[in-house]
Amino acid sequence: MRVLTGVSAVIIMSSLTISPPTLGDASPHLDGQALMNACARADEAWISFCHGYVQGALDGMEDHLELCVPERATRSDLAQIVYEVLLESPELQQLRAASVVGAVAMKLYPC
C-alpha cells in the first residue's frame, strides 16, 4: 500500500510541475498556434511535449500515409521544421497541429 501511495504522490507532483499547453477554449484538439507556442518555449518540459507531440502525430500517420522517413531523421529535426513552417505560415496556425505535422512529413519524406 505504501508503494501505491508513493507512486500516487509522484504522479500528483508531476502533474503540478508540468503544465499542459492551454488551448484557450474547450477544444480537445491542439491547433498549430498552440503547438508552435509549445515548441518555442525554452523549457525542458515544453520541449519534451513538442517532440512527443510531433513523434506521436507522425507515428499515428505512418500506417495511413506513404512516408519514407530516413533512418537518420530525428524527432528533434522534424519538430524544428514543423515549428519553422508554422512560424512562417500564419494561415497554418489555425489548422489542427496533427494535420500540419502530416503535411510537413509528406513534403519532407515522400516515397
N, C-alpha and C. Protein backbone atom coordinates (compact mmCIF):
# COMPACT_ATOMS: atom_id res chain seq x y z
N MET A 1 0.82 -1.19 0.00
CA MET A 1 0.00 0.00 0.00
C MET A 1 0.86 1.26 0.00
N ARG A 2 2.01 1.21 0.69
CA ARG A 2 2.89 2.37 0.71
C ARG A 2 3.43 2.68 -0.67
N VAL A 3 3.73 1.65 -1.47
CA VAL A 3 4.25 1.86 -2.83
C VAL A 3 3.22 2.59 -3.66
N LEU A 4 1.98 2.18 -3.59
CA LEU A 4 0.91 2.84 -4.34
C LEU A 4 0.80 4.29 -3.91
N THR A 5 0.89 4.56 -2.63
CA THR A 5 0.83 5.93 -2.15
C THR A 5 2.00 6.73 -2.69
N GLY A 6 3.21 6.14 -2.71
CA GLY A 6 4.38 6.82 -3.24
C GLY A 6 4.24 7.12 -4.72
N VAL A 7 3.73 6.16 -5.49
CA VAL A 7 3.52 6.35 -6.92
C VAL A 7 2.48 7.43 -7.14
N SER A 8 1.41 7.41 -6.38
CA SER A 8 0.37 8.43 -6.50
C SER A 8 0.93 9.81 -6.22
N ALA A 9 1.79 9.91 -5.21
CA ALA A 9 2.40 11.20 -4.88
C ALA A 9 3.27 11.70 -6.02
N VAL A 10 4.02 10.80 -6.65
CA VAL A 10 4.88 11.20 -7.78
C VAL A 10 4.02 11.70 -8.94
N ILE A 11 2.95 11.00 -9.24
CA ILE A 11 2.06 11.41 -10.33
C ILE A 11 1.44 12.77 -10.02
N ILE A 12 0.98 12.96 -8.82
CA ILE A 12 0.36 14.23 -8.45
C ILE A 12 1.38 15.35 -8.52
N MET A 13 2.58 15.14 -7.98
CA MET A 13 3.62 16.17 -8.01
C MET A 13 4.04 16.48 -9.45
N SER A 14 4.12 15.45 -10.30
CA SER A 14 4.49 15.67 -11.70
C SER A 14 3.44 16.51 -12.40
N SER A 15 2.19 16.24 -12.12
CA SER A 15 1.13 16.99 -12.79
C SER A 15 1.10 18.44 -12.33
N LEU A 16 1.60 18.71 -11.14
CA LEU A 16 1.63 20.08 -10.65
C LEU A 16 2.81 20.87 -11.21
N THR A 17 3.87 20.18 -11.60
CA THR A 17 5.07 20.88 -12.06
C THR A 17 5.14 21.01 -13.58
N ILE A 18 4.44 20.17 -14.30
CA ILE A 18 4.46 20.25 -15.76
C ILE A 18 3.06 20.62 -16.23
N SER A 19 2.92 21.81 -16.74
CA SER A 19 1.61 22.28 -17.19
C SER A 19 1.41 21.95 -18.66
N PRO A 20 0.26 21.39 -19.02
CA PRO A 20 -0.01 21.15 -20.43
C PRO A 20 -0.30 22.47 -21.13
N PRO A 21 -0.18 22.51 -22.46
CA PRO A 21 -0.48 23.75 -23.16
C PRO A 21 -1.95 24.09 -23.02
N THR A 22 -2.23 25.36 -22.92
CA THR A 22 -3.63 25.78 -22.86
C THR A 22 -4.10 26.10 -24.26
N LEU A 23 -5.31 25.73 -24.54
CA LEU A 23 -5.87 25.93 -25.87
C LEU A 23 -6.71 27.18 -25.98
N GLY A 24 -7.10 27.73 -24.88
CA GLY A 24 -7.90 28.94 -24.93
C GLY A 24 -9.38 28.64 -25.08
N ASP A 25 -9.73 27.40 -25.32
CA ASP A 25 -11.13 27.00 -25.36
C ASP A 25 -11.22 25.55 -24.92
N ALA A 26 -12.39 25.00 -25.00
CA ALA A 26 -12.59 23.64 -24.52
C ALA A 26 -12.32 22.58 -25.60
N SER A 27 -11.75 22.96 -26.70
CA SER A 27 -11.50 22.02 -27.79
C SER A 27 -10.54 20.92 -27.36
N PRO A 28 -10.83 19.68 -27.74
CA PRO A 28 -9.91 18.59 -27.41
C PRO A 28 -8.73 18.51 -28.39
N HIS A 29 -8.70 19.40 -29.36
CA HIS A 29 -7.66 19.36 -30.39
C HIS A 29 -6.65 20.49 -30.19
N LEU A 30 -5.41 20.18 -30.51
CA LEU A 30 -4.34 21.16 -30.46
C LEU A 30 -4.22 21.79 -31.83
N ASP A 31 -4.20 23.12 -31.90
CA ASP A 31 -4.02 23.76 -33.19
C ASP A 31 -2.56 24.10 -33.41
N GLY A 32 -2.25 24.52 -34.63
CA GLY A 32 -0.88 24.83 -34.99
C GLY A 32 -0.26 25.91 -34.14
N GLN A 33 -1.05 26.91 -33.78
CA GLN A 33 -0.52 28.00 -32.96
C GLN A 33 -0.11 27.50 -31.57
N ALA A 34 -0.93 26.66 -30.97
CA ALA A 34 -0.60 26.13 -29.65
C ALA A 34 0.66 25.25 -29.72
N LEU A 35 0.79 24.46 -30.78
CA LEU A 35 1.99 23.64 -30.94
C LEU A 35 3.21 24.52 -31.16
N MET A 36 3.08 25.54 -31.99
CA MET A 36 4.18 26.47 -32.23
C MET A 36 4.61 27.13 -30.92
N ASN A 37 3.65 27.57 -30.13
CA ASN A 37 3.97 28.21 -28.85
C ASN A 37 4.67 27.24 -27.90
N ALA A 38 4.21 26.00 -27.87
CA ALA A 38 4.84 25.00 -27.02
C ALA A 38 6.27 24.73 -27.47
N CYS A 39 6.48 24.63 -28.77
CA CYS A 39 7.81 24.33 -29.31
C CYS A 39 8.77 25.51 -29.16
N ALA A 40 8.24 26.70 -28.98
CA ALA A 40 9.09 27.90 -28.86
C ALA A 40 9.62 28.10 -27.45
N ARG A 41 9.05 27.43 -26.48
CA ARG A 41 9.46 27.64 -25.09
C ARG A 41 10.80 26.99 -24.80
N ALA A 42 11.66 27.73 -24.14
CA ALA A 42 12.99 27.23 -23.78
C ALA A 42 12.92 26.57 -22.41
N ASP A 43 12.13 25.52 -22.33
CA ASP A 43 11.92 24.81 -21.09
C ASP A 43 11.88 23.32 -21.41
N GLU A 44 12.60 22.52 -20.66
CA GLU A 44 12.72 21.10 -20.97
C GLU A 44 11.37 20.39 -21.06
N ALA A 45 10.44 20.72 -20.18
CA ALA A 45 9.13 20.07 -20.20
C ALA A 45 8.39 20.40 -21.49
N TRP A 46 8.45 21.65 -21.92
CA TRP A 46 7.75 22.04 -23.14
C TRP A 46 8.44 21.47 -24.38
N ILE A 47 9.77 21.42 -24.38
CA ILE A 47 10.50 20.82 -25.50
C ILE A 47 10.12 19.35 -25.60
N SER A 48 10.04 18.67 -24.46
CA SER A 48 9.64 17.26 -24.46
C SER A 48 8.22 17.10 -24.98
N PHE A 49 7.33 18.01 -24.56
CA PHE A 49 5.95 17.96 -25.07
C PHE A 49 5.95 18.12 -26.58
N CYS A 50 6.67 19.11 -27.09
CA CYS A 50 6.73 19.38 -28.52
C CYS A 50 7.22 18.16 -29.28
N HIS A 51 8.36 17.62 -28.85
CA HIS A 51 8.93 16.46 -29.54
C HIS A 51 8.00 15.25 -29.46
N GLY A 52 7.41 15.04 -28.29
CA GLY A 52 6.49 13.92 -28.12
C GLY A 52 5.24 14.06 -28.97
N TYR A 53 4.71 15.28 -29.07
CA TYR A 53 3.52 15.50 -29.89
C TYR A 53 3.84 15.20 -31.36
N VAL A 54 4.95 15.74 -31.83
CA VAL A 54 5.34 15.54 -33.24
C VAL A 54 5.56 14.05 -33.50
N GLN A 55 6.26 13.35 -32.60
CA GLN A 55 6.50 11.92 -32.77
C GLN A 55 5.19 11.15 -32.76
N GLY A 56 4.31 11.47 -31.83
CA GLY A 56 3.02 10.78 -31.75
C GLY A 56 2.17 11.00 -32.99
N ALA A 57 2.15 12.23 -33.48
CA ALA A 57 1.38 12.52 -34.69
C ALA A 57 1.96 11.74 -35.87
N LEU A 58 3.28 11.74 -35.99
CA LEU A 58 3.92 11.01 -37.09
C LEU A 58 3.67 9.51 -36.97
N ASP A 59 3.82 8.96 -35.79
CA ASP A 59 3.56 7.53 -35.58
C ASP A 59 2.13 7.16 -35.95
N GLY A 60 1.19 8.04 -35.62
CA GLY A 60 -0.21 7.76 -35.92
C GLY A 60 -0.54 7.84 -37.40
N MET A 61 0.30 8.49 -38.18
CA MET A 61 0.04 8.67 -39.61
C MET A 61 0.78 7.69 -40.50
N GLU A 62 1.86 7.15 -40.02
CA GLU A 62 2.73 6.35 -40.88
C GLU A 62 2.00 5.17 -41.54
N ASP A 63 1.02 4.59 -40.88
CA ASP A 63 0.29 3.48 -41.48
C ASP A 63 -0.72 3.94 -42.52
N HIS A 64 -1.05 5.23 -42.54
CA HIS A 64 -2.07 5.76 -43.43
C HIS A 64 -1.51 6.60 -44.58
N LEU A 65 -0.28 7.04 -44.45
CA LEU A 65 0.36 7.87 -45.47
C LEU A 65 1.57 7.14 -46.02
N GLU A 66 1.90 7.42 -47.24
CA GLU A 66 3.11 6.85 -47.82
C GLU A 66 4.28 7.75 -47.45
N LEU A 67 4.93 7.38 -46.38
CA LEU A 67 6.09 8.14 -45.91
C LEU A 67 7.31 7.23 -45.92
N CYS A 68 8.42 7.78 -46.33
CA CYS A 68 9.69 7.07 -46.28
C CYS A 68 10.65 7.89 -45.45
N VAL A 69 10.52 7.73 -44.14
CA VAL A 69 11.33 8.50 -43.21
C VAL A 69 12.71 7.85 -43.12
N PRO A 70 13.75 8.60 -43.44
CA PRO A 70 15.10 8.02 -43.39
C PRO A 70 15.52 7.70 -41.95
N GLU A 71 16.38 6.71 -41.82
CA GLU A 71 16.87 6.30 -40.50
C GLU A 71 17.54 7.45 -39.75
N ARG A 72 18.19 8.35 -40.47
CA ARG A 72 18.92 9.44 -39.84
C ARG A 72 18.02 10.57 -39.36
N ALA A 73 16.76 10.56 -39.75
CA ALA A 73 15.83 11.61 -39.34
C ALA A 73 15.59 11.51 -37.83
N THR A 74 15.56 12.67 -37.17
CA THR A 74 15.32 12.67 -35.73
C THR A 74 14.02 13.40 -35.42
N ARG A 75 13.47 13.08 -34.29
CA ARG A 75 12.26 13.75 -33.80
C ARG A 75 12.53 15.24 -33.63
N SER A 76 13.72 15.56 -33.16
CA SER A 76 14.10 16.96 -32.96
C SER A 76 14.13 17.72 -34.28
N ASP A 77 14.69 17.09 -35.31
CA ASP A 77 14.74 17.74 -36.63
C ASP A 77 13.34 18.03 -37.15
N LEU A 78 12.46 17.04 -37.08
CA LEU A 78 11.09 17.24 -37.58
C LEU A 78 10.36 18.29 -36.76
N ALA A 79 10.53 18.28 -35.44
CA ALA A 79 9.88 19.28 -34.59
C ALA A 79 10.36 20.68 -34.95
N GLN A 80 11.64 20.83 -35.21
CA GLN A 80 12.19 22.14 -35.58
C GLN A 80 11.62 22.61 -36.92
N ILE A 81 11.52 21.71 -37.87
CA ILE A 81 10.97 22.08 -39.19
C ILE A 81 9.50 22.44 -39.07
N VAL A 82 8.74 21.66 -38.30
CA VAL A 82 7.32 21.98 -38.10
C VAL A 82 7.19 23.36 -37.46
N TYR A 83 8.01 23.65 -36.47
CA TYR A 83 7.99 24.96 -35.82
C TYR A 83 8.28 26.07 -36.83
N GLU A 84 9.30 25.90 -37.66
CA GLU A 84 9.66 26.92 -38.65
C GLU A 84 8.55 27.13 -39.68
N VAL A 85 7.93 26.04 -40.11
CA VAL A 85 6.82 26.15 -41.07
C VAL A 85 5.67 26.92 -40.44
N LEU A 86 5.33 26.60 -39.20
CA LEU A 86 4.25 27.32 -38.51
C LEU A 86 4.59 28.79 -38.31
N LEU A 87 5.81 29.08 -37.97
CA LEU A 87 6.25 30.46 -37.75
C LEU A 87 6.13 31.28 -39.03
N GLU A 88 6.47 30.68 -40.16
CA GLU A 88 6.47 31.37 -41.45
C GLU A 88 5.11 31.36 -42.14
N SER A 89 4.16 30.58 -41.63
CA SER A 89 2.86 30.42 -42.30
C SER A 89 1.71 30.59 -41.31
N PRO A 90 1.36 31.84 -41.00
CA PRO A 90 0.30 32.08 -40.02
C PRO A 90 -1.02 31.38 -40.37
N GLU A 91 -1.29 31.18 -41.64
CA GLU A 91 -2.54 30.53 -42.04
C GLU A 91 -2.59 29.07 -41.57
N LEU A 92 -1.44 28.45 -41.38
CA LEU A 92 -1.40 27.06 -40.91
C LEU A 92 -1.59 26.96 -39.40
N GLN A 93 -1.41 28.06 -38.71
CA GLN A 93 -1.52 28.06 -37.25
C GLN A 93 -2.95 27.77 -36.78
N GLN A 94 -3.93 27.98 -37.64
CA GLN A 94 -5.32 27.74 -37.26
C GLN A 94 -5.75 26.30 -37.51
N LEU A 95 -4.94 25.54 -38.22
CA LEU A 95 -5.26 24.14 -38.52
C LEU A 95 -4.92 23.25 -37.33
N ARG A 96 -5.44 22.04 -37.35
CA ARG A 96 -5.06 21.09 -36.30
C ARG A 96 -3.57 20.80 -36.42
N ALA A 97 -2.92 20.75 -35.30
CA ALA A 97 -1.47 20.55 -35.28
C ALA A 97 -1.08 19.23 -35.93
N ALA A 98 -1.85 18.19 -35.73
CA ALA A 98 -1.52 16.90 -36.34
C ALA A 98 -1.56 16.98 -37.86
N SER A 99 -2.47 17.77 -38.40
CA SER A 99 -2.55 17.94 -39.85
C SER A 99 -1.31 18.65 -40.38
N VAL A 100 -0.82 19.62 -39.63
CA VAL A 100 0.39 20.33 -40.04
C VAL A 100 1.59 19.39 -40.00
N VAL A 101 1.69 18.59 -38.94
CA VAL A 101 2.79 17.62 -38.84
C VAL A 101 2.73 16.67 -40.03
N GLY A 102 1.54 16.20 -40.37
CA GLY A 102 1.37 15.29 -41.50
C GLY A 102 1.77 15.92 -42.82
N ALA A 103 1.36 17.15 -43.04
CA ALA A 103 1.70 17.84 -44.29
C ALA A 103 3.21 18.06 -44.41
N VAL A 104 3.84 18.44 -43.31
CA VAL A 104 5.29 18.65 -43.32
C VAL A 104 5.99 17.31 -43.57
N ALA A 105 5.55 16.26 -42.93
CA ALA A 105 6.17 14.94 -43.11
C ALA A 105 6.02 14.45 -44.55
N MET A 106 4.85 14.67 -45.15
CA MET A 106 4.64 14.24 -46.54
C MET A 106 5.57 14.99 -47.49
N LYS A 107 5.81 16.27 -47.21
CA LYS A 107 6.69 17.05 -48.04
C LYS A 107 8.15 16.65 -47.85
N LEU A 108 8.53 16.37 -46.61
CA LEU A 108 9.92 16.01 -46.30
C LEU A 108 10.28 14.58 -46.68
N TYR A 109 9.33 13.66 -46.49
CA TYR A 109 9.64 12.24 -46.60
C TYR A 109 8.76 11.48 -47.61
N PRO A 110 8.63 11.98 -48.83
CA PRO A 110 7.82 11.22 -49.80
C PRO A 110 8.57 9.94 -50.21
N CYS A 111 7.82 8.96 -50.59
CA CYS A 111 8.46 7.71 -51.06
C CYS A 111 8.81 7.82 -52.53
